[in-house]
């Protein structure tokens, strides 16, 4: 999985700069409902918030033979591209990050441990479900632990947490919860959402639908997400 992941190059297009690959996965998982026997999540980041999150999933029983599925989600506030030899050449059409103010969230705490507790409370206000072709509606469950914490004081980003809603342990949508400094006012909480599935997904906040993504059966490309198949060695 690591060889597959590190064969993908992520580039920050405005800076024409390769984003460093983090050599350890942030999550290992499988999905028996989709015959996915082994999978992992990886991030590309320089500092602060990740620029991209990539899933590598092994499907040993595909009709075309054993194959790797990759999924790439931009969570950058800039445009990125992804390349992998002759198998992938994709450029995002928009930044994957779209931060929104989170109303009625209170003021971020001073201590990191307390802010993490606040993030977990805020995550409970969100819900997500997937509309699968075979399984029908699937209620996704929140993974309670942050997959990654990050900060970037130069950008007024005090603290951030990357969370996921999953089918079992398979992450299908990401929720980024961030505490931001505000000049001359109280600090605030913001959030952004990102697709990590080829299925149709809907997210609600306090019971109101706020976000959805259409199905993207592999291989498919969207404005800030792409997926496809890579041959095994």
C-alpha atoms as a PDB file:
ATOM      1  CA  UNK A   1       0.000   0.000   0.000  1.00  0.00           C
ATOM      2  CA  UNK A   2       2.836   2.356   0.802  1.00  0.00           C
ATOM      3  CA  UNK A   3       4.445   1.744  -2.598  1.00  0.00           C
ATOM      4  CA  UNK A   4       1.151   2.498  -4.318  1.00  0.00           C
ATOM      5  CA  UNK A   5       0.610   5.652  -2.279  1.00  0.00           C
ATOM      6  CA  UNK A   6       4.103   7.080  -2.664  1.00  0.00           C
ATOM      7  CA  UNK A   7       3.961   6.537  -6.439  1.00  0.00           C
ATOM      8  CA  UNK A   8       1.388   9.360  -6.521  1.00  0.00           C
ATOM      9  CA  UNK A   9       2.758  12.890  -6.711  1.00  0.00           C
ATOM     10  CA  UNK A  10       0.689  15.760  -5.330  1.00  0.00           C
ATOM     11  CA  UNK A  11       1.575  19.252  -6.552  1.00  0.00           C
ATOM     12  CA  UNK A  12       0.491  22.620  -5.173  1.00  0.00           C
ATOM     13  CA  UNK A  13      -0.270  24.287  -8.493  1.00  0.00           C
ATOM     14  CA  UNK A  14      -0.031  27.996  -7.509  1.00  0.00           C
ATOM     15  CA  UNK A  15       3.410  27.400  -6.005  1.00  0.00           C
ATOM     16  CA  UNK A  16       4.418  24.783  -8.623  1.00  0.00           C
ATOM     17  CA  UNK A  17       5.721  22.746  -5.704  1.00  0.00           C
ATOM     18  CA  UNK A  18       5.487  19.070  -4.841  1.00  0.00           C
ATOM     19  CA  UNK A  19       3.741  18.474  -1.520  1.00  0.00           C
ATOM     20  CA  UNK A  20       5.646  16.091   0.795  1.00  0.00           C
ATOM     21  CA  UNK A  21       4.247  12.583   1.267  1.00  0.00           C
ATOM     22  CA  UNK A  22       3.841  11.432   4.893  1.00  0.00           C
ATOM     23  CA  UNK A  23       5.221   7.907   5.047  1.00  0.00           C
ATOM     24  CA  UNK A  24       2.900   6.541   7.750  1.00  0.00           C
ATOM     25  CA  UNK A  25      -0.835   5.998   7.140  1.00  0.00           C
ATOM     26  CA  UNK A  26      -3.311   7.872   9.311  1.00  0.00           C
ATOM     27  CA  UNK A  27      -5.784   4.953   9.183  1.00  0.00           C
ATOM     28  CA  UNK A  28      -5.836   1.246   8.274  1.00  0.00           C
ATOM     29  CA  UNK A  29      -9.226  -0.276   7.431  1.00  0.00           C
ATOM     30  CA  UNK A  30     -11.155  -2.860   5.407  1.00  0.00           C
ATOM     31  CA  UNK A  31     -14.712  -3.137   4.064  1.00  0.00           C
ATOM     32  CA  UNK A  32     -16.180  -6.643   3.875  1.00  0.00           C
ATOM     33  CA  UNK A  33     -19.398  -5.355   2.246  1.00  0.00           C
ATOM     34  CA  UNK A  34     -17.381  -4.314  -0.817  1.00  0.00           C
ATOM     35  CA  UNK A  35     -14.811  -7.131  -0.886  1.00  0.00           C
ATOM     36  CA  UNK A  36     -12.063  -4.696   0.077  1.00  0.00           C
ATOM     37  CA  UNK A  37      -9.567  -6.756   2.033  1.00  0.00           C
ATOM     38  CA  UNK A  38      -6.933  -4.143   2.890  1.00  0.00           C
ATOM     39  CA  UNK A  39      -6.857  -0.357   2.751  1.00  0.00           C
ATOM     40  CA  UNK A  40      -5.168   2.705   4.190  1.00  0.00           C
ATOM     41  CA  UNK A  41      -5.409   6.496   4.258  1.00  0.00           C
ATOM     42  CA  UNK A  42      -2.376   8.664   3.549  1.00  0.00           C
ATOM     43  CA  UNK A  43      -1.779  12.408   3.618  1.00  0.00           C
ATOM     44  CA  UNK A  44       0.396  14.842   1.705  1.00  0.00           C
ATOM     45  CA  UNK A  45       1.288  17.923   3.708  1.00  0.00           C
ATOM     46  CA  UNK A  46       3.981  20.529   4.076  1.00  0.00           C
ATOM     47  CA  UNK A  47       2.854  22.208   7.261  1.00  0.00           C
ATOM     48  CA  UNK A  48      -0.462  22.795   8.906  1.00  0.00           C
ATOM     49  CA  UNK A  49      -3.515  21.366   7.181  1.00  0.00           C
ATOM     50  CA  UNK A  50      -3.006  18.458   4.737  1.00  0.00           C
ATOM     51  CA  UNK A  51      -3.218  19.312   1.044  1.00  0.00           C
ATOM     52  CA  UNK A  52      -4.573  15.926  -0.017  1.00  0.00           C
ATOM     53  CA  UNK A  53      -5.842  12.676   1.466  1.00  0.00           C
ATOM     54  CA  UNK A  54      -5.417   9.501  -0.552  1.00  0.00           C
ATOM     55  CA  UNK A  55      -7.024   6.108   0.000  1.00  0.00           C
ATOM     56  CA  UNK A  56      -5.387   2.952  -1.357  1.00  0.00           C
ATOM     57  CA  UNK A  57      -7.707  -0.074  -1.331  1.00  0.00           C
ATOM     58  CA  UNK A  58      -6.911  -3.608  -2.486  1.00  0.00           C
ATOM     59  CA  UNK A  59      -9.607  -5.627  -4.270  1.00  0.00           C
ATOM     60  CA  UNK A  60      -8.352  -9.187  -4.813  1.00  0.00           C
ATOM     61  CA  UNK A  61     -11.463 -10.575  -6.536  1.00  0.00           C
ATOM     62  CA  UNK A  62     -12.320  -8.092  -9.304  1.00  0.00           C
ATOM     63  CA  UNK A  63     -13.445  -9.547 -12.625  1.00  0.00           C
ATOM     64  CA  UNK A  64     -10.465  -7.823 -14.259  1.00  0.00           C
ATOM     65  CA  UNK A  65      -8.104  -9.366 -11.735  1.00  0.00           C
ATOM     66  CA  UNK A  66      -6.639  -8.097  -8.443  1.00  0.00           C
ATOM     67  CA  UNK A  67      -6.484  -4.298  -8.506  1.00  0.00           C
ATOM     68  CA  UNK A  68      -5.791  -1.249  -6.395  1.00  0.00           C
ATOM     69  CA  UNK A  69      -8.414   1.449  -6.109  1.00  0.00           C
ATOM     70  CA  UNK A  70      -7.139   4.940  -5.365  1.00  0.00           C
ATOM     71  CA  UNK A  71      -9.240   7.854  -4.161  1.00  0.00           C
ATOM     72  CA  UNK A  72      -7.815  11.356  -3.878  1.00  0.00           C
ATOM     73  CA  UNK A  73      -9.579  14.138  -1.984  1.00  0.00           C
ATOM     74  CA  UNK A  74      -8.264  17.673  -2.010  1.00  0.00           C
ATOM     75  CA  UNK A  75      -8.526  19.434   1.344  1.00  0.00           C
ATOM     76  CA  UNK A  76      -6.308  22.316   0.246  1.00  0.00           C
ATOM     77  CA  UNK A  77      -7.284  25.958   0.046  1.00  0.00           C
ATOM     78  CA  UNK A  78      -5.401  26.058  -3.288  1.00  0.00           C
ATOM     79  CA  UNK A  79      -5.592  24.066  -6.506  1.00  0.00           C
ATOM     80  CA  UNK A  80      -3.649  20.802  -6.590  1.00  0.00           C
ATOM     81  CA  UNK A  81      -2.803  18.161  -9.157  1.00  0.00           C
ATOM     82  CA  UNK A  82      -2.086  14.448  -8.872  1.00  0.00           C
ATOM     83  CA  UNK A  83       0.078  12.322 -11.157  1.00  0.00           C
ATOM     84  CA  UNK A  84       1.115   8.662 -11.192  1.00  0.00           C
ATOM     85  CA  UNK A  85       3.241   7.567 -14.161  1.00  0.00           C
ATOM     86  CA  UNK A  86       0.864   6.797 -17.074  1.00  0.00           C
ATOM     87  CA  UNK A  87      -2.130   5.902 -14.895  1.00  0.00           C
ATOM     88  CA  UNK A  88      -3.152   9.267 -13.468  1.00  0.00           C
ATOM     89  CA  UNK A  89      -2.955  12.903 -14.552  1.00  0.00           C
ATOM     90  CA  UNK A  90      -5.577  14.988 -12.773  1.00  0.00           C
ATOM     91  CA  UNK A  91      -5.898  18.619 -11.754  1.00  0.00           C
ATOM     92  CA  UNK A  92      -8.531  19.849  -9.345  1.00  0.00           C
ATOM     93  CA  UNK A  93     -10.961  22.393 -10.751  1.00  0.00           C
ATOM     94  CA  UNK A  94     -11.444  24.067  -7.386  1.00  0.00           C
ATOM     95  CA  UNK A  95      -9.854  24.011  -3.924  1.00  0.00           C
ATOM     96  CA  UNK A  96     -11.098  21.139  -1.808  1.00  0.00           C
ATOM     97  CA  UNK A  97     -11.352  23.331   1.279  1.00  0.00           C
ATOM     98  CA  UNK A  98     -14.492  25.450   1.661  1.00  0.00           C
ATOM     99  CA  UNK A  99     -14.525  26.697   5.242  1.00  0.00           C
ATOM    100  CA  UNK A 100     -17.867  27.739   6.703  1.00  0.00           C
ATOM    101  CA  UNK A 101     -18.533  29.388  10.044  1.00  0.00           C
ATOM    102  CA  UNK A 102     -20.048  26.949  12.521  1.00  0.00           C
ATOM    103  CA  UNK A 103     -22.883  28.745  14.287  1.00  0.00           C
ATOM    104  CA  UNK A 104     -23.600  28.254  17.985  1.00  0.00           C
ATOM    105  CA  UNK A 105     -20.244  26.524  18.479  1.00  0.00           C
ATOM    106  CA  UNK A 106     -18.920  28.630  21.340  1.00  0.00           C
ATOM    107  CA  UNK A 107     -15.395  29.975  21.641  1.00  0.00           C
ATOM    108  CA  UNK A 108     -12.445  27.590  21.164  1.00  0.00           C
ATOM    109  CA  UNK A 109     -10.810  26.680  24.472  1.00  0.00           C
ATOM    110  CA  UNK A 110      -7.291  27.734  25.370  1.00  0.00           C
ATOM    111  CA  UNK A 111      -5.874  24.230  25.867  1.00  0.00           C
ATOM    112  CA  UNK A 112      -5.435  21.655  23.038  1.00  0.00           C
ATOM    113  CA  UNK A 113      -6.977  18.815  25.071  1.00  0.00           C
ATOM    114  CA  UNK A 114     -10.060  20.890  25.784  1.00  0.00           C
ATOM    115  CA  UNK A 115     -10.332  21.933  22.133  1.00  0.00           C
ATOM    116  CA  UNK A 116     -10.263  18.267  21.104  1.00  0.00           C
ATOM    117  CA  UNK A 117     -13.156  17.633  23.484  1.00  0.00           C
ATOM    118  CA  UNK A 118     -15.020  20.538  21.880  1.00  0.00           C
ATOM    119  CA  UNK A 119     -14.372  19.107  18.397  1.00  0.00           C
ATOM    120  CA  UNK A 120     -15.871  15.772  19.391  1.00  0.00           C
ATOM    121  CA  UNK A 121     -18.941  17.538  20.739  1.00  0.00           C
ATOM    122  CA  UNK A 122     -19.275  19.593  17.547  1.00  0.00           C
ATOM    123  CA  UNK A 123     -18.953  16.463  15.410  1.00  0.00           C
ATOM    124  CA  UNK A 124     -22.113  15.106  17.022  1.00  0.00           C
ATOM    125  CA  UNK A 125     -24.104  17.867  15.331  1.00  0.00           C
ATOM    126  CA  UNK A 126     -23.279  16.343  11.935  1.00  0.00           C
ATOM    127  CA  UNK A 127     -24.768  13.203  10.376  1.00  0.00           C
ATOM    128  CA  UNK A 128     -24.133  11.526   7.029  1.00  0.00           C
ATOM    129  CA  UNK A 129     -25.622   8.820   4.866  1.00  0.00           C
ATOM    130  CA  UNK A 130     -24.648   7.167   1.609  1.00  0.00           C
ATOM    131  CA  UNK A 131     -26.955   6.035  -1.195  1.00  0.00           C
ATOM    132  CA  UNK A 132     -25.396   2.848  -2.559  1.00  0.00           C
ATOM    133  CA  UNK A 133     -26.539   1.097  -5.738  1.00  0.00           C
ATOM    134  CA  UNK A 134     -26.741  -2.351  -4.134  1.00  0.00           C
ATOM    135  CA  UNK A 135     -27.080  -1.709  -0.397  1.00  0.00           C
ATOM    136  CA  UNK A 136     -29.449   1.255  -0.623  1.00  0.00           C
ATOM    137  CA  UNK A 137     -29.258   3.902   2.103  1.00  0.00           C
ATOM    138  CA  UNK A 138     -26.325   3.423   4.464  1.00  0.00           C
ATOM    139  CA  UNK A 139     -26.157   5.438   7.663  1.00  0.00           C
ATOM    140  CA  UNK A 140     -22.520   6.383   8.098  1.00  0.00           C
ATOM    141  CA  UNK A 141     -21.046   6.397  11.576  1.00  0.00           C
ATOM    142  CA  UNK A 142     -18.598   8.985  12.906  1.00  0.00           C
ATOM    143  CA  UNK A 143     -15.128   7.745  13.760  1.00  0.00           C
ATOM    144  CA  UNK A 144     -14.793   9.298  17.198  1.00  0.00           C
ATOM    145  CA  UNK A 145     -11.039   9.881  17.142  1.00  0.00           C
ATOM    146  CA  UNK A 146      -9.469  12.581  15.021  1.00  0.00           C
ATOM    147  CA  UNK A 147      -7.460  11.042  12.183  1.00  0.00           C
ATOM    148  CA  UNK A 148      -5.049  13.952  12.411  1.00  0.00           C
ATOM    149  CA  UNK A 149      -4.526  17.175  14.364  1.00  0.00           C
ATOM    150  CA  UNK A 150      -2.803  20.175  12.806  1.00  0.00           C
ATOM    151  CA  UNK A 151      -2.163  23.895  13.251  1.00  0.00           C
ATOM    152  CA  UNK A 152      -0.726  26.827  11.313  1.00  0.00           C
ATOM    153  CA  UNK A 153      -0.296  29.949  13.472  1.00  0.00           C
ATOM    154  CA  UNK A 154       0.951  31.969  10.470  1.00  0.00           C
ATOM    155  CA  UNK A 155      -2.484  31.530   8.883  1.00  0.00           C
ATOM    156  CA  UNK A 156      -4.407  32.201  12.114  1.00  0.00           C
ATOM    157  CA  UNK A 157      -5.235  28.482  12.308  1.00  0.00           C
ATOM    158  CA  UNK A 158      -5.056  27.707  16.016  1.00  0.00           C
ATOM    159  CA  UNK A 159      -6.067  24.063  15.856  1.00  0.00           C
ATOM    160  CA  UNK A 160      -7.630  21.635  13.416  1.00  0.00           C
ATOM    161  CA  UNK A 161      -8.988  18.117  13.471  1.00  0.00           C
ATOM    162  CA  UNK A 162      -9.624  15.755  10.579  1.00  0.00           C
ATOM    163  CA  UNK A 163     -12.632  13.503  11.269  1.00  0.00           C
ATOM    164  CA  UNK A 164     -14.509  10.975   9.127  1.00  0.00           C
ATOM    165  CA  UNK A 165     -17.911   9.377   8.702  1.00  0.00           C
ATOM    166  CA  UNK A 166     -17.499   5.740   7.707  1.00  0.00           C
ATOM    167  CA  UNK A 167     -19.230   2.633   6.452  1.00  0.00           C
ATOM    168  CA  UNK A 168     -17.908   0.346   9.163  1.00  0.00           C
ATOM    169  CA  UNK A 169     -14.340   1.613   9.269  1.00  0.00           C
ATOM    170  CA  UNK A 170     -14.215   2.723   5.620  1.00  0.00           C
ATOM    171  CA  UNK A 171     -14.184   6.558   5.572  1.00  0.00           C
ATOM    172  CA  UNK A 172     -16.643   8.018   3.057  1.00  0.00           C
ATOM    173  CA  UNK A 173     -16.710  11.716   3.936  1.00  0.00           C
ATOM    174  CA  UNK A 174     -14.319  13.938   5.870  1.00  0.00           C
ATOM    175  CA  UNK A 175     -15.227  16.691   8.302  1.00  0.00           C
ATOM    176  CA  UNK A 176     -12.517  19.226   9.062  1.00  0.00           C
ATOM    177  CA  UNK A 177     -13.141  21.182  12.268  1.00  0.00           C
ATOM    178  CA  UNK A 178     -10.888  24.181  12.832  1.00  0.00           C
ATOM    179  CA  UNK A 179     -10.394  26.890  15.446  1.00  0.00           C
ATOM    180  CA  UNK A 180      -9.395  30.221  13.883  1.00  0.00           C
ATOM    181  CA  UNK A 181      -8.076  33.401  15.456  1.00  0.00           C
ATOM    182  CA  UNK A 182     -10.004  36.596  14.695  1.00  0.00           C
ATOM    183  CA  UNK A 183      -8.292  39.966  14.967  1.00  0.00           C
ATOM    184  CA  UNK A 184     -10.122  42.186  17.421  1.00  0.00           C
ATOM    185  CA  UNK A 185     -12.741  39.572  18.261  1.00  0.00           C
ATOM    186  CA  UNK A 186     -13.329  36.152  19.802  1.00  0.00           C
ATOM    187  CA  UNK A 187     -11.833  33.111  18.108  1.00  0.00           C
ATOM    188  CA  UNK A 188     -14.266  31.015  16.062  1.00  0.00           C
ATOM    189  CA  UNK A 189     -14.941  27.463  14.888  1.00  0.00           C
ATOM    190  CA  UNK A 190     -15.186  26.668  11.177  1.00  0.00           C
ATOM    191  CA  UNK A 191     -15.792  23.464   9.222  1.00  0.00           C
ATOM    192  CA  UNK A 192     -15.313  22.020   5.749  1.00  0.00           C
ATOM    193  CA  UNK A 193     -16.408  18.746   4.124  1.00  0.00           C
ATOM    194  CA  UNK A 194     -14.710  16.501   1.584  1.00  0.00           C
ATOM    195  CA  UNK A 195     -15.808  13.527  -0.518  1.00  0.00           C
ATOM    196  CA  UNK A 196     -13.965  10.185  -0.158  1.00  0.00           C
ATOM    197  CA  UNK A 197     -16.313   7.749  -1.916  1.00  0.00           C
ATOM    198  CA  UNK A 198     -17.637   6.885  -5.322  1.00  0.00           C
ATOM    199  CA  UNK A 199     -21.119   6.731  -3.837  1.00  0.00           C
ATOM    200  CA  UNK A 200     -23.692   9.479  -3.432  1.00  0.00           C
ATOM    201  CA  UNK A 201     -23.322  11.049   0.024  1.00  0.00           C
ATOM    202  CA  UNK A 202     -25.403  13.569   1.976  1.00  0.00           C
ATOM    203  CA  UNK A 203     -24.398  15.440   5.144  1.00  0.00           C
ATOM    204  CA  UNK A 204     -26.687  17.205   7.587  1.00  0.00           C
ATOM    205  CA  UNK A 205     -25.934  19.706  10.354  1.00  0.00           C
ATOM    206  CA  UNK A 206     -28.417  19.933  13.215  1.00  0.00           C
ATOM    207  CA  UNK A 207     -30.837  17.910  11.060  1.00  0.00           C
ATOM    208  CA  UNK A 208     -30.648  20.206   8.015  1.00  0.00           C
ATOM    209  CA  UNK A 209     -29.023  19.057   4.784  1.00  0.00           C
ATOM    210  CA  UNK A 210     -25.971  21.197   4.077  1.00  0.00           C
ATOM    211  CA  UNK A 211     -23.909  19.227   1.556  1.00  0.00           C
ATOM    212  CA  UNK A 212     -24.070  16.378  -0.932  1.00  0.00           C
ATOM    213  CA  UNK A 213     -21.951  14.800  -3.638  1.00  0.00           C
ATOM    214  CA  UNK A 214     -23.090  12.809  -6.633  1.00  0.00           C
ATOM    215  CA  UNK A 215     -22.041   9.254  -7.387  1.00  0.00           C
ATOM    216  CA  UNK A 216     -18.609   8.823  -8.950  1.00  0.00           C
ATOM    217  CA  UNK A 217     -18.257   5.201 -10.001  1.00  0.00           C
ATOM    218  CA  UNK A 218     -14.530   4.533 -10.615  1.00  0.00           C
ATOM    219  CA  UNK A 219     -12.859   5.762 -12.701  1.00  0.00           C
ATOM    220  CA  UNK A 220     -14.331   9.227 -12.186  1.00  0.00           C
ATOM    221  CA  UNK A 221     -13.198  12.788 -11.609  1.00  0.00           C
ATOM    222  CA  UNK A 222     -14.943  15.601  -9.794  1.00  0.00           C
ATOM    223  CA  UNK A 223     -13.919  19.199  -9.063  1.00  0.00           C
ATOM    224  CA  UNK A 224     -11.892  18.291  -5.967  1.00  0.00           C
ATOM    225  CA  UNK A 225     -11.942  14.469  -6.003  1.00  0.00           C
ATOM    226  CA  UNK A 226     -10.758  11.693  -8.307  1.00  0.00           C
ATOM    227  CA  UNK A 227     -10.705   7.902  -8.208  1.00  0.00           C
ATOM    228  CA  UNK A 228      -9.540   5.070 -10.432  1.00  0.00           C
ATOM    229  CA  UNK A 229      -7.871   1.695 -10.713  1.00  0.00           C
ATOM    230  CA  UNK A 230      -4.186   0.814 -10.730  1.00  0.00           C
ATOM    231  CA  UNK A 231      -2.887  -2.591 -11.821  1.00  0.00           C
ATOM    232  CA  UNK A 232      -1.142  -4.787  -9.274  1.00  0.00           C
ATOM    233  CA  UNK A 233       2.549  -5.483  -9.710  1.00  0.00           C
END
